[in-house]
Amino acid sequence: MQNRRKEDIFYESLIRKSPFGFALHKIILGEDGEPIDYEFIDVNQAYEKITGLKKSELTGKNISDFYSLENTEIKNRIKFFGEV
């Protein structure tokens, strides 16, 4: 097993047990370098409860697998996440 710092274990535990929804995404860029989609890498249980979607249904999938990229809210979210 890999040696893990106490801080890493603490923060991971904090996120997993948090009552607030947490999702880790990977931004997908187009050929022009602009964000065009994002992939779900991880979510906590609170996120599952809020969205009604399970981690196993989300991980490895893109937001475009669930919503049209023409949806204004989704476009804005992708742009915002890309700026972060």
C-alpha atoms as a PDB file:
ATOM      1  CA  MET A   1       0.000   0.000   0.000  1.00  0.00           C
ATOM      2  CA  GLN A   2       1.231   3.463  -0.892  1.00  0.00           C
ATOM      3  CA  ASN A   3       2.345   5.689   1.976  1.00  0.00           C
ATOM      4  CA  ARG A   4      -0.260   8.408   2.391  1.00  0.00           C
ATOM      5  CA  ARG A   5       0.130  11.607   4.339  1.00  0.00           C
ATOM      6  CA  LYS A   6      -2.169  12.166   7.309  1.00  0.00           C
ATOM      7  CA  GLU A   7      -3.380  15.368   5.649  1.00  0.00           C
ATOM      8  CA  ASP A   8      -4.430  13.498   2.488  1.00  0.00           C
ATOM      9  CA  ILE A   9      -6.348  10.921   4.498  1.00  0.00           C
ATOM     10  CA  PHE A  10      -8.012  13.673   6.567  1.00  0.00           C
ATOM     11  CA  TYR A  11      -9.144  15.703   3.540  1.00  0.00           C
ATOM     12  CA  GLU A  12     -10.365  12.627   1.670  1.00  0.00           C
ATOM     13  CA  SER A  13     -12.353  11.548   4.721  1.00  0.00           C
ATOM     14  CA  LEU A  14     -13.727  15.065   5.131  1.00  0.00           C
ATOM     15  CA  ILE A  15     -14.991  15.123   1.528  1.00  0.00           C
ATOM     16  CA  ARG A  16     -16.432  11.611   1.662  1.00  0.00           C
ATOM     17  CA  LYS A  17     -18.321  12.290   4.897  1.00  0.00           C
ATOM     18  CA  SER A  18     -19.335  15.855   4.094  1.00  0.00           C
ATOM     19  CA  PRO A  19     -23.048  16.702   4.115  1.00  0.00           C
ATOM     20  CA  PHE A  20     -22.346  18.902   1.090  1.00  0.00           C
ATOM     21  CA  GLY A  21     -22.367  17.521  -2.431  1.00  0.00           C
ATOM     22  CA  PHE A  22     -18.911  17.142  -3.962  1.00  0.00           C
ATOM     23  CA  ALA A  23     -17.999  16.164  -7.500  1.00  0.00           C
ATOM     24  CA  LEU A  24     -14.540  16.027  -9.033  1.00  0.00           C
ATOM     25  CA  HIS A  25     -14.513  16.705 -12.760  1.00  0.00           C
ATOM     26  CA  LYS A  26     -11.966  16.606 -15.558  1.00  0.00           C
ATOM     27  CA  ILE A  27     -12.462  19.413 -18.080  1.00  0.00           C
ATOM     28  CA  ILE A  28     -12.441  18.311 -21.721  1.00  0.00           C
ATOM     29  CA  LEU A  29     -11.048  20.863 -24.155  1.00  0.00           C
ATOM     30  CA  GLY A  30     -11.819  21.221 -27.836  1.00  0.00           C
ATOM     31  CA  GLU A  31      -9.200  21.621 -30.557  1.00  0.00           C
ATOM     32  CA  ASP A  32      -9.239  25.377 -29.938  1.00  0.00           C
ATOM     33  CA  GLY A  33      -8.393  24.864 -26.247  1.00  0.00           C
ATOM     34  CA  GLU A  34     -11.846  25.938 -25.039  1.00  0.00           C
ATOM     35  CA  PRO A  35     -13.799  23.770 -22.554  1.00  0.00           C
ATOM     36  CA  ILE A  36     -16.469  21.719 -24.351  1.00  0.00           C
ATOM     37  CA  ASP A  37     -17.491  19.063 -21.805  1.00  0.00           C
ATOM     38  CA  TYR A  38     -16.464  17.553 -18.498  1.00  0.00           C
ATOM     39  CA  GLU A  39     -16.039  14.040 -17.149  1.00  0.00           C
ATOM     40  CA  PHE A  40     -17.101  12.853 -13.698  1.00  0.00           C
ATOM     41  CA  ILE A  41     -14.079  11.496 -11.834  1.00  0.00           C
ATOM     42  CA  ASP A  42     -15.568  11.098  -8.354  1.00  0.00           C
ATOM     43  CA  VAL A  43     -18.594  12.117  -6.272  1.00  0.00           C
ATOM     44  CA  ASN A  44     -19.449  11.768  -2.606  1.00  0.00           C
ATOM     45  CA  GLN A  45     -22.590  10.275  -1.067  1.00  0.00           C
ATOM     46  CA  ALA A  46     -24.159  13.702  -0.516  1.00  0.00           C
ATOM     47  CA  TYR A  47     -23.853  14.395  -4.266  1.00  0.00           C
ATOM     48  CA  GLU A  48     -25.570  11.079  -4.972  1.00  0.00           C
ATOM     49  CA  LYS A  49     -28.390  11.990  -2.600  1.00  0.00           C
ATOM     50  CA  ILE A  50     -28.833  15.489  -4.069  1.00  0.00           C
ATOM     51  CA  THR A  51     -28.830  14.373  -7.711  1.00  0.00           C
ATOM     52  CA  GLY A  52     -30.402  10.937  -7.343  1.00  0.00           C
ATOM     53  CA  LEU A  53     -27.559   9.518  -9.468  1.00  0.00           C
ATOM     54  CA  LYS A  54     -25.126   6.915  -8.170  1.00  0.00           C
ATOM     55  CA  LYS A  55     -21.354   7.197  -8.330  1.00  0.00           C
ATOM     56  CA  SER A  56     -21.288   4.050 -10.464  1.00  0.00           C
ATOM     57  CA  GLU A  57     -23.617   5.741 -12.988  1.00  0.00           C
ATOM     58  CA  LEU A  58     -21.548   8.944 -13.141  1.00  0.00           C
ATOM     59  CA  THR A  59     -17.880   7.990 -12.931  1.00  0.00           C
ATOM     60  CA  GLY A  60     -16.153   7.934 -16.276  1.00  0.00           C
ATOM     61  CA  LYS A  61     -19.098   9.570 -18.005  1.00  0.00           C
ATOM     62  CA  ASN A  62     -19.346  13.086 -19.400  1.00  0.00           C
ATOM     63  CA  ILE A  63     -22.032  15.641 -18.629  1.00  0.00           C
ATOM     64  CA  SER A  64     -22.985  15.343 -22.316  1.00  0.00           C
ATOM     65  CA  ASP A  65     -24.023  11.750 -21.595  1.00  0.00           C
ATOM     66  CA  PHE A  66     -26.810  13.177 -19.432  1.00  0.00           C
ATOM     67  CA  TYR A  67     -27.668  16.569 -20.938  1.00  0.00           C
ATOM     68  CA  SER A  68     -27.547  18.243 -24.321  1.00  0.00           C
ATOM     69  CA  LEU A  69     -24.566  20.527 -24.798  1.00  0.00           C
ATOM     70  CA  GLU A  70     -27.030  22.991 -26.345  1.00  0.00           C
ATOM     71  CA  ASN A  71     -28.628  23.473 -22.906  1.00  0.00           C
ATOM     72  CA  THR A  72     -27.702  27.005 -21.783  1.00  0.00           C
ATOM     73  CA  GLU A  73     -27.266  26.024 -18.134  1.00  0.00           C
ATOM     74  CA  ILE A  74     -24.901  23.196 -19.107  1.00  0.00           C
ATOM     75  CA  LYS A  75     -22.949  25.481 -21.480  1.00  0.00           C
ATOM     76  CA  ASN A  76     -22.544  28.031 -18.675  1.00  0.00           C
ATOM     77  CA  ARG A  77     -21.481  25.347 -16.201  1.00  0.00           C
ATOM     78  CA  ILE A  78     -18.844  23.986 -18.604  1.00  0.00           C
ATOM     79  CA  LYS A  79     -17.538  27.506 -19.225  1.00  0.00           C
ATOM     80  CA  PHE A  80     -17.431  28.256 -15.488  1.00  0.00           C
ATOM     81  CA  PHE A  81     -15.680  24.976 -14.619  1.00  0.00           C
ATOM     82  CA  GLY A  82     -13.189  25.652 -17.437  1.00  0.00           C
ATOM     83  CA  GLU A  83     -12.350  29.033 -15.936  1.00  0.00           C
ATOM     84  CA  VAL A  84     -11.784  27.548 -12.500  1.00  0.00           C
END
